Protein backbone atom coordinates (compact mmCIF):
# COMPACT_ATOMS: atom_id res chain seq x y z
CA MET A 1 -16.38 2.42 4.87
CA ILE A 2 -19.09 -0.32 5.60
CA PRO A 3 -16.85 -3.23 5.82
CA GLY A 4 -14.86 -1.46 8.40
CA SER A 5 -17.72 -1.09 10.25
CA ALA A 6 -19.07 -4.40 10.09
CA LEU A 7 -15.50 -5.80 10.54
CA THR A 8 -15.16 -3.60 13.96
CA THR A 9 -18.55 -4.52 15.51
CA ALA A 10 -17.47 -8.35 15.94
CA ILE A 11 -14.62 -7.06 18.74
CA PRO A 12 -16.86 -5.84 21.70
CA GLU A 13 -18.99 -8.35 23.73
CA PRO A 14 -22.62 -8.11 21.96
CA GLU A 15 -23.51 -6.02 25.77
CA ASP A 16 -21.29 -3.99 25.06
CA ARG A 17 -21.77 -3.25 21.11
CA GLY A 18 -23.77 -0.13 21.31
CA ALA A 19 -21.63 1.71 23.52
CA TYR A 20 -18.45 0.31 21.71
CA MET A 21 -20.13 1.98 18.57
CA SER A 22 -20.58 5.53 20.08
CA ILE A 23 -17.30 5.21 21.03
CA THR A 24 -16.05 4.55 17.49
CA SER A 25 -18.56 7.40 15.79
CA SER A 26 -17.23 9.64 17.92
CA LEU A 27 -13.70 9.25 17.25
CA GLN A 28 -14.80 8.78 13.15
CA GLN A 29 -15.79 12.71 13.34
CA LEU A 30 -13.13 13.52 15.64
CA ALA A 31 -10.54 11.95 13.54
CA GLY A 32 -11.89 13.42 10.33
CA GLY A 33 -12.44 17.05 11.64
CA VAL A 34 -8.06 16.68 12.64
CA GLY A 35 -7.72 15.62 9.03
CA ALA A 36 -9.25 18.06 7.23
CA MET A 37 -7.68 20.56 9.74
CA ILE A 38 -3.97 19.11 9.01
CA ALA A 39 -4.86 18.71 5.19
CA GLY A 40 -5.59 22.50 5.39
CA MET A 41 -2.35 23.51 6.85
CA ILE A 42 -0.53 21.29 3.63
CA ILE A 43 -2.92 22.54 1.31
CA VAL A 44 -1.53 26.05 0.47
CA GLN A 45 -2.77 29.52 -1.39
CA LYS A 46 -0.06 32.22 -1.42
CA ASP A 47 -2.15 34.65 -2.74
CA ASN A 48 -5.89 34.79 -4.13
CA TYR A 49 -5.08 34.24 -7.22
CA ALA A 50 -2.32 31.73 -7.28
CA PRO A 51 -3.43 28.13 -7.69
CA LEU A 52 -3.56 25.94 -4.67
CA GLU A 53 0.31 24.01 -3.79
CA ASN A 54 1.20 20.76 -2.05
CA PHE A 55 -0.98 18.24 -3.43
CA ASN A 56 1.65 16.01 -4.13
CA LEU A 57 2.96 16.15 -0.15
CA LEU A 58 -1.19 15.65 0.51
CA THR A 59 -0.87 12.64 -1.94
CA MET A 60 2.01 10.74 -0.32
CA ILE A 61 1.13 11.56 3.21
CA MET A 62 -2.56 10.14 2.37
CA SER A 63 -1.03 7.01 0.94
CA ILE A 64 1.11 6.53 3.71
CA ILE A 65 -2.34 6.35 6.13
CA MET A 66 -4.35 4.50 3.85
CA LEU A 67 -1.80 1.80 3.83
CA PHE A 68 -1.47 1.47 7.12
CA THR A 69 -4.90 1.40 7.95
CA ILE A 70 -4.98 -1.33 5.56
CA TYR A 71 -2.38 -3.39 7.61
CA LEU A 72 -4.61 -2.33 10.74
CA MET A 73 -7.49 -3.47 9.41
CA TYR A 74 -5.72 -6.84 8.53
CA ARG A 75 -5.21 -7.33 12.23
CA VAL A 76 -8.53 -6.56 13.37
CA ASN A 77 -9.51 -9.21 11.21
CA GLN A 78 -7.09 -11.57 12.74
CA ASN A 79 -8.03 -10.97 15.80
CA VAL A 80 -11.67 -11.55 15.25
CA MET A 81 -10.81 -14.94 13.26
CA LYS A 82 -9.46 -16.00 16.61
CA ARG A 83 -11.91 -14.86 18.51
CA ASN A 84 -14.52 -16.96 16.50
């Protein structure tokens, strides 16, 4: 998380960095809540004594999202390098 934040803070101009960080923080909190909500809809339990199910589906979805995130961070890094 820290390297990603350090990389993305190089995107805005220095005078806009505070507003950018505030919006980024808000979006991170929103994404965390939405992600937890969606994961809660994917993981099910048939009754109080049954085991939780669909962890394999959630793992596949999260793996795809992680690969996409790595690609996006690569693109951000390329844009920051061009800018500098």
